[in-house]
Amino acid sequence: MNIRHLDGADPLDCAALARLAEIAVAATSHVSIGALRARHRGGAPAARARQTAMYLAHVAFGLTFTRVGICFGRDRTTVRHACALIEDRRDDPRQEFALTALEASLLALTGSLAAVTHGECRS
């Protein structure tokens, strides 16, 4: 499956990709999964980490704002706002490097997982 085009994909596959972005961001930002999944906004670090995870789910995996919103329990307009904020942060070279590394890592991991699940990586 080409993960860049998930318009008609299984909602569980989309949710799994969103969770993968969430876990990667939680691990790199030292924000707990519980804080990312909280119904309320939380503090600035949790909100920023959640926005980053939503951004990566949209940019790296091609999920629509609506689909990302469903996966994160937020409205699509909230996802659009998060993506705009994170995109603006890419002007900072350190943020650009971190986001590029996270996106590349997620794409490499999902490519490896797809190969394993399709029997392409047999020992």
PDB file of N, CA and C in Angstrom:
ATOM      1  N   MET A   1       0.839  -1.177   0.000  1.00  0.00           N
ATOM      2  CA  MET A   1       0.000   0.000   0.000  1.00  0.00           C
ATOM      3  C   MET A   1       0.884   1.240   0.000  1.00  0.00           C
ATOM      4  N   ASN A   2       0.575   2.170  -0.853  1.00  0.00           N
ATOM      5  CA  ASN A   2       1.278   3.443  -0.868  1.00  0.00           C
ATOM      6  C   ASN A   2       0.680   4.306   0.234  1.00  0.00           C
ATOM      7  N   ILE A   3       1.456   4.561   1.285  1.00  0.00           N
ATOM      8  CA  ILE A   3       0.897   5.256   2.438  1.00  0.00           C
ATOM      9  C   ILE A   3       0.659   6.744   2.187  1.00  0.00           C
ATOM     10  N   ARG A   4       1.105   7.248   1.075  1.00  0.00           N
ATOM     11  CA  ARG A   4       0.848   8.644   0.765  1.00  0.00           C
ATOM     12  C   ARG A   4      -0.581   8.863   0.283  1.00  0.00           C
ATOM     13  N   HIS A   5      -1.271   7.814  -0.128  1.00  0.00           N
ATOM     14  CA  HIS A   5      -2.618   7.949  -0.669  1.00  0.00           C
ATOM     15  C   HIS A   5      -3.557   7.029   0.083  1.00  0.00           C
ATOM     16  N   LEU A   6      -4.137   7.524   1.154  1.00  0.00           N
ATOM     17  CA  LEU A   6      -4.978   6.706   2.019  1.00  0.00           C
ATOM     18  C   LEU A   6      -6.439   7.135   2.000  1.00  0.00           C
ATOM     19  N   ASP A   7      -6.873   7.765   0.928  1.00  0.00           N
ATOM     20  CA  ASP A   7      -8.245   8.270   0.901  1.00  0.00           C
ATOM     21  C   ASP A   7      -9.265   7.179   1.180  1.00  0.00           C
ATOM     22  N   GLY A   8      -9.135   6.018   0.543  1.00  0.00           N
ATOM     23  CA  GLY A   8     -10.098   4.948   0.729  1.00  0.00           C
ATOM     24  C   GLY A   8      -9.602   3.860   1.653  1.00  0.00           C
ATOM     25  N   ALA A   9      -8.605   4.148   2.455  1.00  0.00           N
ATOM     26  CA  ALA A   9      -7.984   3.139   3.310  1.00  0.00           C
ATOM     27  C   ALA A   9      -8.878   2.759   4.476  1.00  0.00           C
ATOM     28  N   ASP A  10      -8.584   1.613   5.018  1.00  0.00           N
ATOM     29  CA  ASP A  10      -9.272   1.114   6.200  1.00  0.00           C
ATOM     30  C   ASP A  10      -9.049   2.094   7.357  1.00  0.00           C
ATOM     31  N   PRO A  11     -10.114   2.501   8.045  1.00  0.00           N
ATOM     32  CA  PRO A  11      -9.959   3.430   9.175  1.00  0.00           C
ATOM     33  C   PRO A  11      -9.004   2.909  10.246  1.00  0.00           C
ATOM     34  N   LEU A  12      -8.929   1.590  10.403  1.00  0.00           N
ATOM     35  CA  LEU A  12      -7.989   1.038  11.391  1.00  0.00           C
ATOM     36  C   LEU A  12      -6.551   1.251  10.962  1.00  0.00           C
ATOM     37  N   ASP A  13      -6.274   1.154   9.663  1.00  0.00           N
ATOM     38  CA  ASP A  13      -4.926   1.423   9.170  1.00  0.00           C
ATOM     39  C   ASP A  13      -4.562   2.883   9.419  1.00  0.00           C
ATOM     40  N   CYS A  14      -5.509   3.767   9.157  1.00  0.00           N
ATOM     41  CA  CYS A  14      -5.267   5.195   9.378  1.00  0.00           C
ATOM     42  C   CYS A  14      -5.029   5.480  10.854  1.00  0.00           C
ATOM     43  N   ALA A  15      -5.821   4.863  11.716  1.00  0.00           N
ATOM     44  CA  ALA A  15      -5.650   5.053  13.155  1.00  0.00           C
ATOM     45  C   ALA A  15      -4.299   4.516  13.610  1.00  0.00           C
ATOM     46  N   ALA A  16      -3.873   3.398  13.045  1.00  0.00           N
ATOM     47  CA  ALA A  16      -2.567   2.832  13.407  1.00  0.00           C
ATOM     48  C   ALA A  16      -1.442   3.780  13.014  1.00  0.00           C
ATOM     49  N   LEU A  17      -1.549   4.399  11.843  1.00  0.00           N
ATOM     50  CA  LEU A  17      -0.532   5.358  11.417  1.00  0.00           C
ATOM     51  C   LEU A  17      -0.530   6.583  12.316  1.00  0.00           C
ATOM     52  N   ALA A  18      -1.711   7.048  12.686  1.00  0.00           N
ATOM     53  CA  ALA A  18      -1.794   8.194  13.600  1.00  0.00           C
ATOM     54  C   ALA A  18      -1.167   7.847  14.946  1.00  0.00           C
ATOM     55  N   ARG A  19      -1.421   6.633  15.448  1.00  0.00           N
ATOM     56  CA  ARG A  19      -0.829   6.202  16.720  1.00  0.00           C
ATOM     57  C   ARG A  19       0.689   6.121  16.608  1.00  0.00           C
ATOM     58  N   LEU A  20       1.186   5.685  15.458  1.00  0.00           N
ATOM     59  CA  LEU A  20       2.627   5.606  15.251  1.00  0.00           C
ATOM     60  C   LEU A  20       3.255   6.997  15.317  1.00  0.00           C
ATOM     61  N   ALA A  21       2.622   7.972  14.680  1.00  0.00           N
ATOM     62  CA  ALA A  21       3.111   9.353  14.755  1.00  0.00           C
ATOM     63  C   ALA A  21       3.068   9.847  16.193  1.00  0.00           C
ATOM     64  N   GLU A  22       1.999   9.515  16.882  1.00  0.00           N
ATOM     65  CA  GLU A  22       1.831   9.925  18.282  1.00  0.00           C
ATOM     66  C   GLU A  22       2.935   9.335  19.157  1.00  0.00           C
ATOM     67  N   ILE A  23       3.231   8.072  18.999  1.00  0.00           N
ATOM     68  CA  ILE A  23       4.259   7.404  19.804  1.00  0.00           C
ATOM     69  C   ILE A  23       5.637   7.992  19.514  1.00  0.00           C
ATOM     70  N   ALA A  24       5.925   8.241  18.238  1.00  0.00           N
ATOM     71  CA  ALA A  24       7.220   8.811  17.875  1.00  0.00           C
ATOM     72  C   ALA A  24       7.408  10.191  18.493  1.00  0.00           C
ATOM     73  N   VAL A  25       6.364  10.993  18.438  1.00  0.00           N
ATOM     74  CA  VAL A  25       6.453  12.339  19.009  1.00  0.00           C
ATOM     75  C   VAL A  25       6.547  12.270  20.533  1.00  0.00           C
ATOM     76  N   ALA A  26       5.786  11.390  21.153  1.00  0.00           N
ATOM     77  CA  ALA A  26       5.852  11.249  22.614  1.00  0.00           C
ATOM     78  C   ALA A  26       7.261  10.854  23.049  1.00  0.00           C
ATOM     79  N   ALA A  27       7.866   9.950  22.315  1.00  0.00           N
ATOM     80  CA  ALA A  27       9.210   9.485  22.669  1.00  0.00           C
ATOM     81  C   ALA A  27      10.260  10.580  22.499  1.00  0.00           C
ATOM     82  N   THR A  28      10.125  11.379  21.470  1.00  0.00           N
ATOM     83  CA  THR A  28      11.136  12.405  21.216  1.00  0.00           C
ATOM     84  C   THR A  28      10.899  13.694  21.986  1.00  0.00           C
ATOM     85  N   SER A  29       9.654  13.934  22.402  1.00  0.00           N
ATOM     86  CA  SER A  29       9.353  15.177  23.124  1.00  0.00           C
ATOM     87  C   SER A  29       9.249  14.970  24.632  1.00  0.00           C
ATOM     88  N   HIS A  30       9.338  13.713  25.067  1.00  0.00           N
ATOM     89  CA  HIS A  30       9.235  13.371  26.491  1.00  0.00           C
ATOM     90  C   HIS A  30       7.898  13.812  27.091  1.00  0.00           C
ATOM     91  N   VAL A  31       6.850  13.724  26.275  1.00  0.00           N
ATOM     92  CA  VAL A  31       5.481  13.987  26.721  1.00  0.00           C
ATOM     93  C   VAL A  31       4.773  12.640  26.719  1.00  0.00           C
ATOM     94  N   SER A  32       4.042  12.349  27.764  1.00  0.00           N
ATOM     95  CA  SER A  32       3.395  11.042  27.873  1.00  0.00           C
ATOM     96  C   SER A  32       2.272  10.885  26.848  1.00  0.00           C
ATOM     97  N   ILE A  33       2.011   9.636  26.491  1.00  0.00           N
ATOM     98  CA  ILE A  33       0.904   9.328  25.593  1.00  0.00           C
ATOM     99  C   ILE A  33      -0.409   9.822  26.218  1.00  0.00           C
ATOM    100  N   GLY A  34      -0.528   9.671  27.526  1.00  0.00           N
ATOM    101  CA  GLY A  34      -1.730  10.138  28.220  1.00  0.00           C
ATOM    102  C   GLY A  34      -1.949  11.628  28.035  1.00  0.00           C
ATOM    103  N   ALA A  35      -0.872  12.402  28.100  1.00  0.00           N
ATOM    104  CA  ALA A  35      -0.989  13.850  27.902  1.00  0.00           C
ATOM    105  C   ALA A  35      -1.374  14.173  26.464  1.00  0.00           C
ATOM    106  N   LEU A  36      -0.852  13.395  25.508  1.00  0.00           N
ATOM    107  CA  LEU A  36      -1.200  13.624  24.107  1.00  0.00           C
ATOM    108  C   LEU A  36      -2.658  13.282  23.819  1.00  0.00           C
ATOM    109  N   ARG A  37      -3.177  12.268  24.498  1.00  0.00           N
ATOM    110  CA  ARG A  37      -4.541  11.808  24.243  1.00  0.00           C
ATOM    111  C   ARG A  37      -5.587  12.488  25.126  1.00  0.00           C
ATOM    112  N   ALA A  38      -5.166  13.372  26.004  1.00  0.00           N
ATOM    113  CA  ALA A  38      -6.096  14.032  26.922  1.00  0.00           C
ATOM    114  C   ALA A  38      -7.162  14.802  26.145  1.00  0.00           C
ATOM    115  N   ARG A  39      -8.351  14.816  26.682  1.00  0.00           N
ATOM    116  CA  ARG A  39      -9.453  15.537  26.039  1.00  0.00           C
ATOM    117  C   ARG A  39      -9.232  17.052  26.110  1.00  0.00           C
ATOM    118  N   HIS A  40      -8.572  17.514  27.152  1.00  0.00           N
ATOM    119  CA  HIS A  40      -8.308  18.941  27.291  1.00  0.00           C
ATOM    120  C   HIS A  40      -6.964  19.272  26.634  1.00  0.00           C
ATOM    121  N   ARG A  41      -6.717  20.533  26.424  1.00  0.00           N
ATOM    122  CA  ARG A  41      -5.516  20.986  25.719  1.00  0.00           C
ATOM    123  C   ARG A  41      -4.238  20.592  26.444  1.00  0.00           C
ATOM    124  N   GLY A  42      -4.222  20.768  27.763  1.00  0.00           N
ATOM    125  CA  GLY A  42      -3.012  20.494  28.532  1.00  0.00           C
ATOM    126  C   GLY A  42      -2.056  21.665  28.458  1.00  0.00           C
ATOM    127  N   GLY A  43      -0.876  21.457  28.983  1.00  0.00           N
ATOM    128  CA  GLY A  43       0.143  22.505  28.960  1.00  0.00           C
ATOM    129  C   GLY A  43       0.729  22.680  27.575  1.00  0.00           C
ATOM    130  N   ALA A  44       1.558  23.692  27.437  1.00  0.00           N
ATOM    131  CA  ALA A  44       2.161  24.003  26.141  1.00  0.00           C
ATOM    132  C   ALA A  44       2.968  22.830  25.564  1.00  0.00           C
ATOM    133  N   PRO A  45       3.778  22.129  26.364  1.00  0.00           N
ATOM    134  CA  PRO A  45       4.523  21.001  25.777  1.00  0.00           C
ATOM    135  C   PRO A  45       3.614  19.905  25.231  1.00  0.00           C
ATOM    136  N   ALA A  46       2.545  19.595  25.941  1.00  0.00           N
ATOM    137  CA  ALA A  46       1.606  18.558  25.474  1.00  0.00           C
ATOM    138  C   ALA A  46       0.881  19.023  24.223  1.00  0.00           C
ATOM    139  N   ALA A  47       0.434  20.255  24.206  1.00  0.00           N
ATOM    140  CA  ALA A  47      -0.276  20.785  23.033  1.00  0.00           C
ATOM    141  C   ALA A  47       0.638  20.798  21.815  1.00  0.00           C
ATOM    142  N   ARG A  48       1.884  21.226  21.999  1.00  0.00           N
ATOM    143  CA  ARG A  48       2.842  21.279  20.888  1.00  0.00           C
ATOM    144  C   ARG A  48       3.152  19.875  20.367  1.00  0.00           C
ATOM    145  N   ALA A  49       3.304  18.926  21.289  1.00  0.00           N
ATOM    146  CA  ALA A  49       3.577  17.547  20.885  1.00  0.00           C
ATOM    147  C   ALA A  49       2.381  16.968  20.123  1.00  0.00           C
ATOM    148  N   ARG A  50       1.172  17.216  20.592  1.00  0.00           N
ATOM    149  CA  ARG A  50      -0.028  16.743  19.910  1.00  0.00           C
ATOM    150  C   ARG A  50      -0.132  17.374  18.524  1.00  0.00           C
ATOM    151  N   GLN A  51       0.146  18.657  18.433  1.00  0.00           N
ATOM    152  CA  GLN A  51       0.112  19.336  17.137  1.00  0.00           C
ATOM    153  C   GLN A  51       1.141  18.735  16.183  1.00  0.00           C
ATOM    154  N   THR A  52       2.307  18.414  16.704  1.00  0.00           N
ATOM    155  CA  THR A  52       3.348  17.803  15.876  1.00  0.00           C
ATOM    156  C   THR A  52       2.915  16.428  15.386  1.00  0.00           C
ATOM    157  N   ALA A  53       2.318  15.640  16.257  1.00  0.00           N
ATOM    158  CA  ALA A  53       1.850  14.306  15.864  1.00  0.00           C
ATOM    159  C   ALA A  53       0.755  14.412  14.801  1.00  0.00           C
ATOM    160  N   MET A  54      -0.149  15.362  14.969  1.00  0.00           N
ATOM    161  CA  MET A  54      -1.207  15.545  13.968  1.00  0.00           C
ATOM    162  C   MET A  54      -0.602  15.981  12.641  1.00  0.00           C
ATOM    163  N   TYR A  55       0.372  16.873  12.700  1.00  0.00           N
ATOM    164  CA  TYR A  55       1.056  17.345  11.494  1.00  0.00           C
ATOM    165  C   TYR A  55       1.726  16.175  10.768  1.00  0.00           C
ATOM    166  N   LEU A  56       2.440  15.349  11.512  1.00  0.00           N
ATOM    167  CA  LEU A  56       3.122  14.213  10.892  1.00  0.00           C
ATOM    168  C   LEU A  56       2.142  13.206  10.306  1.00  0.00           C
ATOM    169  N   ALA A  57       1.033  12.977  10.984  1.00  0.00           N
ATOM    170  CA  ALA A  57       0.013  12.068  10.449  1.00  0.00           C
ATOM    171  C   ALA A  57      -0.514  12.598   9.115  1.00  0.00           C
ATOM    172  N   HIS A  58      -0.650  13.903   9.027  1.00  0.00           N
ATOM    173  CA  HIS A  58      -1.144  14.510   7.791  1.00  0.00           C
ATOM    174  C   HIS A  58      -0.066  14.534   6.701  1.00  0.00           C
ATOM    175  N   VAL A  59       1.110  15.030   7.038  1.00  0.00           N
ATOM    176  CA  VAL A  59       2.160  15.229   6.033  1.00  0.00           C
ATOM    177  C   VAL A  59       2.846  13.921   5.643  1.00  0.00           C
ATOM    178  N   ALA A  60       3.274  13.145   6.617  1.00  0.00           N
ATOM    179  CA  ALA A  60       4.021  11.923   6.312  1.00  0.00           C
ATOM    180  C   ALA A  60       3.122  10.839   5.736  1.00  0.00           C
ATOM    181  N   PHE A  61       1.923  10.712   6.270  1.00  0.00           N
ATOM    182  CA  PHE A  61       1.064   9.599   5.876  1.00  0.00           C
ATOM    183  C   PHE A  61      -0.083   9.999   4.945  1.00  0.00           C
ATOM    184  N   GLY A  62      -0.236  11.287   4.701  1.00  0.00           N
ATOM    185  CA  GLY A  62      -1.252  11.736   3.771  1.00  0.00           C
ATOM    186  C   GLY A  62      -2.677  11.625   4.270  1.00  0.00           C
ATOM    187  N   LEU A  63      -2.860  11.534   5.579  1.00  0.00           N
ATOM    188  CA  LEU A  63      -4.218  11.482   6.120  1.00  0.00           C
ATOM    189  C   LEU A  63      -4.862  12.854   5.989  1.00  0.00           C
ATOM    190  N   THR A  64      -6.148  12.873   5.686  1.00  0.00           N
ATOM    191  CA  THR A  64      -6.855  14.144   5.568  1.00  0.00           C
ATOM    192  C   THR A  64      -7.007  14.784   6.947  1.00  0.00           C
ATOM    193  N   PHE A  65      -7.298  16.079   6.963  1.00  0.00           N
ATOM    194  CA  PHE A  65      -7.534  16.764   8.232  1.00  0.00           C
ATOM    195  C   PHE A  65      -8.676  16.087   8.988  1.00  0.00           C
ATOM    196  N   THR A  66      -9.707  15.710   8.257  1.00  0.00           N
ATOM    197  CA  THR A  66     -10.852  15.049   8.893  1.00  0.00           C
ATOM    198  C   THR A  66     -10.440  13.734   9.533  1.00  0.00           C
ATOM    199  N   ARG A  67      -9.683  12.920   8.801  1.00  0.00           N
ATOM    200  CA  ARG A  67      -9.252  11.617   9.318  1.00  0.00           C
ATOM    201  C   ARG A  67      -8.316  11.794  10.516  1.00  0.00           C
ATOM    202  N   VAL A  68      -7.394  12.736  10.438  1.00  0.00           N
ATOM    203  CA  VAL A  68      -6.496  12.999  11.575  1.00  0.00           C
ATOM    204  C   VAL A  68      -7.318  13.452  12.772  1.00  0.00           C
ATOM    205  N   GLY A  69      -8.291  14.315  12.536  1.00  0.00           N
ATOM    206  CA  GLY A  69      -9.155  14.781  13.620  1.00  0.00           C
ATOM    207  C   GLY A  69      -9.871  13.635  14.305  1.00  0.00           C
ATOM    208  N   ILE A  70     -10.394  12.707  13.522  1.00  0.00           N
ATOM    209  CA  ILE A  70     -11.068  11.536  14.092  1.00  0.00           C
ATOM    210  C   ILE A  70     -10.094  10.731  14.937  1.00  0.00           C
ATOM    211  N   CYS A  71      -8.894  10.513  14.412  1.00  0.00           N
ATOM    212  CA  CYS A  71      -7.897   9.706  15.125  1.00  0.00           C
ATOM    213  C   CYS A  71      -7.435  10.349  16.428  1.00  0.00           C
ATOM    214  N   PHE A  72      -7.412  11.680  16.469  1.00  0.00           N
ATOM    215  CA  PHE A  72      -6.937  12.383  17.656  1.00  0.00           C
ATOM    216  C   PHE A  72      -8.069  12.954  18.507  1.00  0.00           C
ATOM    217  N   GLY A  73      -9.306  12.680  18.131  1.00  0.00           N
ATOM    218  CA  GLY A  73     -10.433  13.183  18.903  1.00  0.00           C
ATOM    219  C   GLY A  73     -10.566  14.695  18.843  1.00  0.00           C
ATOM    220  N   ARG A  74     -10.210  15.256  17.692  1.00  0.00           N
ATOM    221  CA  ARG A  74     -10.268  16.704  17.504  1.00  0.00           C
ATOM    222  C   ARG A  74     -11.048  17.010  16.229  1.00  0.00           C
ATOM    223  N   ASP A  75     -11.417  18.250  16.048  1.00  0.00           N
ATOM    224  CA  ASP A  75     -12.104  18.709  14.857  1.00  0.00           C
ATOM    225  C   ASP A  75     -11.085  18.937  13.736  1.00  0.00           C
ATOM    226  N   ARG A  76     -11.538  18.831  12.488  1.00  0.00           N
ATOM    227  CA  ARG A  76     -10.623  19.016  11.355  1.00  0.00           C
ATOM    228  C   ARG A  76     -10.030  20.420  11.329  1.00  0.00           C
ATOM    229  N   THR A  77     -10.783  21.413  11.826  1.00  0.00           N
ATOM    230  CA  THR A  77     -10.251  22.774  11.846  1.00  0.00           C
ATOM    231  C   THR A  77      -9.127  22.902  12.874  1.00  0.00           C
ATOM    232  N   THR A  78      -9.201  22.126  13.936  1.00  0.00           N
ATOM    233  CA  THR A  78      -8.126  22.095  14.925  1.00  0.00           C
ATOM    234  C   THR A  78      -6.871  21.490  14.303  1.00  0.00           C
ATOM    235  N   VAL A  79      -7.058  20.452  13.506  1.00  0.00           N
ATOM    236  CA  VAL A  79      -5.925  19.815  12.826  1.00  0.00           C
ATOM    237  C   VAL A  79      -5.313  20.785  11.829  1.00  0.00           C
ATOM    238  N   ARG A  80      -6.150  21.486  11.076  1.00  0.00           N
ATOM    239  CA  ARG A  80      -5.649  22.471  10.114  1.00  0.00           C
ATOM    240  C   ARG A  80      -4.826  23.544  10.823  1.00  0.00           C
ATOM    241  N   HIS A  81      -5.326  24.009  11.962  1.00  0.00           N
ATOM    242  CA  HIS A  81      -4.609  25.017  12.754  1.00  0.00           C
ATOM    243  C   HIS A  81      -3.276  24.457  13.247  1.00  0.00           C
ATOM    244  N   ALA A  82      -3.285  23.219  13.746  1.00  0.00           N
ATOM    245  CA  ALA A  82      -2.053  22.583  14.233  1.00  0.00           C
ATOM    246  C   ALA A  82      -1.030  22.469  13.111  1.00  0.00           C
ATOM    247  N   CYS A  83      -1.483  22.048  11.938  1.00  0.00           N
ATOM    248  CA  CYS A  83      -0.568  21.893  10.803  1.00  0.00           C
ATOM    249  C   CYS A  83       0.032  23.240  10.395  1.00  0.00           C
ATOM    250  N   ALA A  84      -0.761  24.288  10.422  1.00  0.00           N
ATOM    251  CA  ALA A  84      -0.254  25.623  10.080  1.00  0.00           C
ATOM    252  C   ALA A  84       0.786  26.077  11.098  1.00  0.00           C
ATOM    253  N   LEU A  85       0.523  25.837  12.374  1.00  0.00           N
ATOM    254  CA  LEU A  85       1.492  26.225  13.413  1.00  0.00           C
ATOM    255  C   LEU A  85       2.812  25.479  13.256  1.00  0.00           C
ATOM    256  N   ILE A  86       2.729  24.176  13.044  1.00  0.00           N
ATOM    257  CA  ILE A  86       3.951  23.377  12.929  1.00  0.00           C
ATOM    258  C   ILE A  86       4.694  23.734  11.647  1.00  0.00           C
ATOM    259  N   GLU A  87       3.971  23.962  10.576  1.00  0.00           N
ATOM    260  CA  GLU A  87       4.616  24.364   9.312  1.00  0.00           C
ATOM    261  C   GLU A  87       5.382  25.667   9.513  1.00  0.00           C
ATOM    262  N   ASP A  88       4.824  26.601  10.258  1.00  0.00           N
ATOM    263  CA  ASP A  88       5.509  27.861  10.547  1.00  0.00           C
ATOM    264  C   ASP A  88       6.775  27.638  11.362  1.00  0.00           C
ATOM    265  N   ARG A  89       6.773  26.629  12.223  1.00  0.00           N
ATOM    266  CA  ARG A  89       7.945  26.338  13.048  1.00  0.00           C
ATOM    267  C   ARG A  89       9.107  25.804  12.212  1.00  0.00           C
ATOM    268  N   ARG A  90       8.829  25.339  11.018  1.00  0.00           N
ATOM    269  CA  ARG A  90       9.875  24.789  10.155  1.00  0.00           C
ATOM    270  C   ARG A  90      10.847  25.865   9.690  1.00  0.00           C
ATOM    271  N   ASP A  91      10.531  27.139   9.921  1.00  0.00           N
ATOM    272  CA  ASP A  91      11.466  28.218   9.581  1.00  0.00           C
ATOM    273  C   ASP A  91      12.714  28.161  10.454  1.00  0.00           C
ATOM    274  N   ASP A  92      12.587  27.588  11.641  1.00  0.00           N
ATOM    275  CA  ASP A  92      13.716  27.405  12.551  1.00  0.00           C
ATOM    276  C   ASP A  92      14.496  26.175  12.074  1.00  0.00           C
ATOM    277  N   PRO A  93      15.783  26.318  11.746  1.00  0.00           N
ATOM    278  CA  PRO A  93      16.553  25.186  11.215  1.00  0.00           C
ATOM    279  C   PRO A  93      16.561  23.958  12.132  1.00  0.00           C
ATOM    280  N   ARG A  94      16.568  24.173  13.438  1.00  0.00           N
ATOM    281  CA  ARG A  94      16.546  23.031  14.368  1.00  0.00           C
ATOM    282  C   ARG A  94      15.217  22.285  14.294  1.00  0.00           C
ATOM    283  N   GLN A  95      14.132  23.046  14.213  1.00  0.00           N
ATOM    284  CA  GLN A  95      12.814  22.422  14.093  1.00  0.00           C
ATOM    285  C   GLN A  95      12.676  21.704  12.752  1.00  0.00           C
ATOM    286  N   GLU A  96      13.196  22.325  11.706  1.00  0.00           N
ATOM    287  CA  GLU A  96      13.153  21.711  10.377  1.00  0.00           C
ATOM    288  C   GLU A  96      13.899  20.371  10.388  1.00  0.00           C
ATOM    289  N   PHE A  97      15.067  20.363  10.996  1.00  0.00           N
ATOM    290  CA  PHE A  97      15.855  19.132  11.072  1.00  0.00           C
ATOM    291  C   PHE A  97      15.103  18.055  11.851  1.00  0.00           C
ATOM    292  N   ALA A  98      14.550  18.426  12.994  1.00  0.00           N
ATOM    293  CA  ALA A  98      13.832  17.461  13.835  1.00  0.00           C
ATOM    294  C   ALA A  98      12.600  16.900  13.120  1.00  0.00           C
ATOM    295  N   LEU A  99      11.833  17.762  12.483  1.00  0.00           N
ATOM    296  CA  LEU A  99      10.633  17.310  11.779  1.00  0.00           C
ATOM    297  C   LEU A  99      10.977  16.447  10.568  1.00  0.00           C
ATOM    298  N   THR A 100      12.020  16.828   9.851  1.00  0.00           N
ATOM    299  CA  THR A 100      12.450  16.029   8.699  1.00  0.00           C
ATOM    300  C   THR A 100      12.917  14.655   9.150  1.00  0.00           C
ATOM    301  N   ALA A 101      13.665  14.608  10.240  1.00  0.00           N
ATOM    302  CA  ALA A 101      14.143  13.325  10.758  1.00  0.00           C
ATOM    303  C   ALA A 101      12.980  12.446  11.222  1.00  0.00           C
ATOM    304  N   LEU A 102      12.029  13.038  11.925  1.00  0.00           N
ATOM    305  CA  LEU A 102      10.864  12.272  12.366  1.00  0.00           C
ATOM    306  C   LEU A 102      10.057  11.753  11.176  1.00  0.00           C
ATOM    307  N   GLU A 103       9.825  12.603  10.201  1.00  0.00           N
ATOM    308  CA  GLU A 103       9.054  12.196   9.031  1.00  0.00           C
ATOM    309  C   GLU A 103       9.763  11.070   8.278  1.00  0.00           C
ATOM    310  N   ALA A 104      11.067  11.213   8.068  1.00  0.00           N
ATOM    311  CA  ALA A 104      11.824  10.171   7.366  1.00  0.00           C
ATOM    312  C   ALA A 104      11.819   8.862   8.147  1.00  0.00           C
ATOM    313  N   SER A 105      11.940   8.961   9.453  1.00  0.00           N
ATOM    314  CA  SER A 105      11.925   7.758  10.294  1.00  0.00           C
ATOM    315  C   SER A 105      10.579   7.047  10.222  1.00  0.00           C
ATOM    316  N   LEU A 106       9.512   7.806  10.286  1.00  0.00           N
ATOM    317  CA  LEU A 106       8.178   7.209  10.201  1.00  0.00           C
ATOM    318  C   LEU A 106       7.950   6.543   8.849  1.00  0.00           C
ATOM    319  N   LEU A 107       8.384   7.200   7.786  1.00  0.00           N
ATOM    320  CA  LEU A 107       8.219   6.616   6.454  1.00  0.00           C
ATOM    321  C   LEU A 107       9.064   5.365   6.282  1.00  0.00           C
ATOM    322  N   ALA A 108      10.287   5.387   6.812  1.00  0.00           N
ATOM    323  CA  ALA A 108      11.145   4.204   6.730  1.00  0.00           C
ATOM    324  C   ALA A 108      10.552   3.056   7.533  1.00  0.00           C
ATOM    325  N   LEU A 109      10.049   3.350   8.705  1.00  0.00           N
ATOM    326  CA  LEU A 109       9.463   2.313   9.549  1.00  0.00           C
ATOM    327  C   LEU A 109       8.223   1.713   8.909  1.00  0.00           C
ATOM    328  N   THR A 110       7.351   2.553   8.391  1.00  0.00           N
ATOM    329  CA  THR A 110       6.136   2.020   7.777  1.00  0.00           C
ATOM    330  C   THR A 110       6.458   1.246   6.510  1.00  0.00           C
ATOM    331  N   GLY A 111       7.489   1.659   5.796  1.00  0.00           N
ATOM    332  CA  GLY A 111       7.918   0.889   4.625  1.00  0.00           C
ATOM    333  C   GLY A 111       8.425  -0.477   5.027  1.00  0.00           C
ATOM    334  N   SER A 112       9.178  -0.542   6.114  1.00  0.00           N
ATOM    335  CA  SER A 112       9.686  -1.818   6.622  1.00  0.00           C
ATOM    336  C   SER A 112       8.548  -2.692   7.117  1.00  0.00           C
ATOM    337  N   LEU A 113       7.603  -2.092   7.811  1.00  0.00           N
ATOM    338  CA  LEU A 113       6.456  -2.851   8.307  1.00  0.00           C
ATOM    339  C   LEU A 113       5.622  -3.402   7.161  1.00  0.00           C
ATOM    340  N   ALA A 114       5.432  -2.588   6.122  1.00  0.00           N
ATOM    341  CA  ALA A 114       4.655  -3.044   4.969  1.00  0.00           C
ATOM    342  C   ALA A 114       5.354  -4.215   4.290  1.00  0.00           C
ATOM    343  N   ALA A 115       6.683  -4.145   4.197  1.00  0.00           N
ATOM    344  CA  ALA A 115       7.430  -5.230   3.573  1.00  0.00           C
ATOM    345  C   ALA A 115       7.300  -6.521   4.386  1.00  0.00           C
ATOM    346  N   VAL A 116       7.332  -6.396   5.701  1.00  0.00           N
ATOM    347  CA  VAL A 116       7.206  -7.574   6.559  1.00  0.00           C
ATOM    348  C   VAL A 116       5.806  -8.162   6.466  1.00  0.00           C
ATOM    349  N   THR A 117       4.797  -7.321   6.506  1.00  0.00           N
ATOM    350  CA  THR A 117       3.422  -7.819   6.482  1.00  0.00           C
ATOM    351  C   THR A 117       3.055  -8.401   5.125  1.00  0.00           C
ATOM    352  N   HIS A 118       3.760  -8.002   4.082  1.00  0.00           N
ATOM    353  CA  HIS A 118       3.491  -8.543   2.750  1.00  0.00           C
ATOM    354  C   HIS A 118       4.459  -9.656   2.393  1.00  0.00           C
ATOM    355  N   GLY A 119       5.276 -10.092   3.352  1.00  0.00           N
ATOM    356  CA  GLY A 119       6.185 -11.207   3.135  1.00  0.00           C
ATOM    357  C   GLY A 119       7.391 -10.879   2.286  1.00  0.00           C
ATOM    358  N   GLU A 120       7.732  -9.605   2.177  1.00  0.00           N
ATOM    359  CA  GLU A 120       8.860  -9.211   1.341  1.00  0.00           C
ATOM    360  C   GLU A 120      10.189  -9.294   2.088  1.00  0.00           C
ATOM    361  N   CYS A 121      10.176  -9.418   3.385  1.00  0.00           N
ATOM    362  CA  CYS A 121      11.407  -9.470   4.178  1.00  0.00           C
ATOM    363  C   CYS A 121      11.496 -10.820   4.871  1.00  0.00           C
ATOM    364  N   ARG A 122      11.782 -11.820   4.153  1.00  0.00           N
ATOM    365  CA  ARG A 122      11.891 -13.161   4.719  1.00  0.00           C
ATOM    366  C   ARG A 122      13.360 -13.495   4.911  1.00  0.00           C
ATOM    367  N   SER A 123      13.647 -14.130   6.030  1.00  0.00           N
ATOM    368  CA  SER A 123      15.029 -14.529   6.312  1.00  0.00           C
ATOM    369  C   SER A 123      15.385 -15.809   5.621  1.00  0.00           C
TER     370      SER A 123
END
